[in-house]
Amino acid sequence: MLACQHQNLAWGSRVRSRYGNLITVALVAWSSLDLVVAAAAGLTVSQLIRAWFIPSLGGLMMGVDIYREQREVIEIRTRALHLANERIAAALHASEPDPALEHFARQVQDAILATRQDQVRAPEWFFRCFHRSDRADFQLAIARRFERLTAPLEEPQN
């Protein structure tokens, strides 16, 4: 269960990071374009503000909000991912099962659900653009984790 959540947290963070970066590039490109157009047209600062920034203010604010929300979700998911990594590592090296592990897994699932409900998600088309390569990356990570789980324990050297 934790391995599945681990993958969900990592994958979601990766997609949201890319999407936040795309929004940032779009905001910078739009703002740069207005400066180029203003310079080419010989506009004053006040003309530039009235002709370009005021009409596009809603889009700029929405872009900033989307970026901020993506960063918040990435922070929550990264924190949960770090905690999950610690718990998984501890469980792998424990001699007895941890009875609190199921409760922890439920808390991680709650964090995943909260980030899906409260924040703007990356659009489906954006997710699909990178799905194949991301899937391959995460399948490789799962295969490596499985190899570590099934590898015979090494004898301590004297």
Protein backbone atom coordinates (compact mmCIF):
# COMPACT_ATOMS: atom_id res chain seq x y z
CA MET A 1 0.00 0.00 0.00
CA LEU A 2 2.78 2.43 0.89
CA ALA A 3 4.65 1.62 -2.31
CA CYS A 4 1.57 2.58 -4.32
CA GLN A 5 1.16 5.79 -2.34
CA HIS A 6 4.86 6.50 -2.74
CA GLN A 7 4.49 6.29 -6.51
CA ASN A 8 1.35 8.45 -6.44
CA LEU A 9 3.09 11.14 -4.39
CA ALA A 10 6.20 11.16 -6.57
CA TRP A 11 4.31 11.10 -9.86
CA GLY A 12 1.89 13.82 -8.80
CA SER A 13 4.74 16.04 -7.63
CA ARG A 14 6.55 15.58 -10.92
CA VAL A 15 3.50 16.43 -13.03
CA ARG A 16 2.63 19.45 -10.91
CA SER A 17 6.21 20.71 -10.99
CA ARG A 18 6.24 20.54 -14.78
CA TYR A 19 2.86 22.25 -15.01
CA GLY A 20 3.92 25.00 -12.61
CA ASN A 21 7.04 25.54 -14.70
CA LEU A 22 4.95 25.73 -17.88
CA ILE A 23 2.71 28.36 -16.30
CA THR A 24 5.78 30.33 -15.20
CA VAL A 25 7.24 30.23 -18.72
CA ALA A 26 3.89 31.35 -20.15
CA LEU A 27 3.72 34.28 -17.71
CA VAL A 28 7.28 35.36 -18.46
CA ALA A 29 6.73 34.99 -22.22
CA TRP A 30 3.51 37.04 -22.10
CA SER A 31 5.14 39.77 -20.02
CA SER A 32 8.21 39.82 -22.28
CA LEU A 33 6.05 39.99 -25.37
CA ASP A 34 4.29 43.07 -24.05
CA LEU A 35 7.61 44.79 -23.44
CA VAL A 36 8.78 44.01 -26.98
CA VAL A 37 5.52 45.24 -28.49
CA ALA A 38 5.61 48.39 -26.35
CA ALA A 39 9.19 49.14 -27.35
CA ALA A 40 8.42 48.55 -31.04
CA ALA A 41 5.32 50.75 -30.87
CA GLY A 42 7.05 53.43 -28.83
CA LEU A 43 4.49 53.23 -26.00
CA THR A 44 5.02 55.02 -22.72
CA VAL A 45 4.82 53.10 -19.46
CA SER A 46 1.30 54.36 -18.75
CA GLN A 47 0.16 53.43 -22.28
CA LEU A 48 1.71 49.99 -21.85
CA ILE A 49 -0.09 49.46 -18.56
CA ARG A 50 -3.45 50.60 -19.98
CA ALA A 51 -3.12 48.77 -23.30
CA TRP A 52 -1.54 45.50 -22.18
CA PHE A 53 -1.29 44.86 -18.46
CA ILE A 54 -4.75 45.95 -17.34
CA PRO A 55 -6.60 43.86 -19.97
CA SER A 56 -4.42 40.83 -19.22
CA LEU A 57 -4.39 41.28 -15.44
CA GLY A 58 -6.99 38.54 -14.88
CA GLY A 59 -4.94 36.01 -16.83
CA LEU A 60 -1.72 37.04 -15.12
CA MET A 61 -3.30 36.74 -11.67
CA MET A 62 -4.79 33.36 -12.56
CA GLY A 63 -1.37 32.17 -13.74
CA VAL A 64 0.28 33.31 -10.53
CA ASP A 65 -2.44 31.58 -8.48
CA ILE A 66 -2.06 28.33 -10.43
CA TYR A 67 1.70 28.40 -9.95
CA ARG A 68 1.36 29.12 -6.21
CA GLU A 69 -1.19 26.33 -5.74
CA GLN A 70 0.99 23.85 -7.63
CA ARG A 71 3.94 24.72 -5.39
CA GLU A 72 1.80 24.24 -2.26
CA VAL A 73 0.72 20.79 -3.42
CA ILE A 74 4.29 19.86 -4.33
CA GLU A 75 5.41 20.86 -0.84
CA ILE A 76 2.70 18.76 0.83
CA ARG A 77 3.35 15.77 -1.40
CA THR A 78 7.13 16.02 -1.01
CA ARG A 79 6.79 16.13 2.78
CA ALA A 80 4.49 13.08 2.71
CA LEU A 81 6.86 11.32 0.29
CA HIS A 82 9.80 11.91 2.62
CA LEU A 83 7.84 10.52 5.57
CA ALA A 84 6.72 7.52 3.50
CA ASN A 85 10.33 6.83 2.49
CA GLU A 86 11.37 6.85 6.12
CA ARG A 87 8.54 4.52 7.15
CA ILE A 88 9.18 2.15 4.24
CA ALA A 89 12.89 1.99 5.06
CA ALA A 90 12.13 1.37 8.74
CA ALA A 91 9.62 -1.37 7.85
CA LEU A 92 12.15 -3.10 5.59
CA HIS A 93 14.72 -3.25 8.38
CA ALA A 94 12.32 -4.07 11.21
CA SER A 95 12.26 -7.52 12.72
CA GLU A 96 8.55 -7.23 13.54
CA PRO A 97 5.66 -5.54 11.70
CA ASP A 98 4.85 -2.00 12.80
CA PRO A 99 1.23 -1.89 14.04
CA ALA A 100 1.06 1.88 13.36
CA LEU A 101 1.97 1.42 9.69
CA GLU A 102 -1.64 0.94 8.59
CA HIS A 103 -2.67 4.13 10.37
CA PHE A 104 0.23 5.97 8.73
CA ALA A 105 -0.83 4.67 5.30
CA ARG A 106 -4.33 6.05 5.92
CA GLN A 107 -2.84 9.44 6.81
CA VAL A 108 -0.82 9.45 3.60
CA GLN A 109 -3.96 8.57 1.64
CA ASP A 110 -5.78 11.46 3.32
CA ALA A 111 -2.99 13.84 2.28
CA ILE A 112 -3.21 12.59 -1.31
CA LEU A 113 -6.98 13.06 -1.33
CA ALA A 114 -6.72 16.55 0.16
CA THR A 115 -4.26 17.67 -2.51
CA ARG A 116 -6.58 16.37 -5.21
CA GLN A 117 -9.70 18.04 -3.81
CA ASP A 118 -8.41 21.42 -2.73
CA GLN A 119 -6.05 22.46 -5.49
CA VAL A 120 -6.08 22.97 -9.23
CA ARG A 121 -4.83 19.86 -10.99
CA ALA A 122 -2.71 19.77 -14.12
CA PRO A 123 -4.91 19.39 -17.19
CA GLU A 124 -5.42 15.90 -18.59
CA TRP A 125 -3.75 16.78 -21.91
CA PHE A 126 -0.65 17.91 -20.05
CA PHE A 127 -0.58 14.74 -17.96
CA ARG A 128 -0.85 12.61 -21.12
CA CYS A 129 2.07 14.41 -22.79
CA PHE A 130 4.52 12.86 -20.32
CA HIS A 131 2.59 9.76 -19.29
CA ARG A 132 4.61 7.21 -21.27
CA SER A 133 8.04 8.38 -20.07
CA ASP A 134 6.86 8.90 -16.49
CA ARG A 135 5.29 5.45 -16.44
CA ALA A 136 8.55 3.88 -17.60
CA ASP A 137 10.51 5.77 -14.93
CA PHE A 138 8.19 4.70 -12.15
CA GLN A 139 7.99 1.08 -13.33
CA LEU A 140 11.77 0.96 -13.19
CA ALA A 141 11.71 2.40 -9.66
CA ILE A 142 9.18 -0.22 -8.57
CA ALA A 143 11.26 -3.00 -10.13
CA ARG A 144 14.34 -1.80 -8.24
CA ARG A 145 12.41 -1.61 -4.98
CA PHE A 146 11.06 -5.15 -5.55
CA GLU A 147 14.60 -6.40 -6.20
CA ARG A 148 15.72 -4.93 -2.89
CA LEU A 149 12.80 -6.55 -1.10
CA THR A 150 13.40 -9.98 -2.58
CA ALA A 151 17.21 -9.94 -2.42
CA PRO A 152 18.68 -12.25 0.18
CA LEU A 153 19.85 -10.51 3.32
CA GLU A 154 23.58 -9.98 3.40
CA GLU A 155 25.55 -11.59 6.19
CA PRO A 156 27.44 -9.10 8.36
CA GLN A 157 31.18 -9.26 7.72
CA ASN A 158 33.53 -9.79 10.67
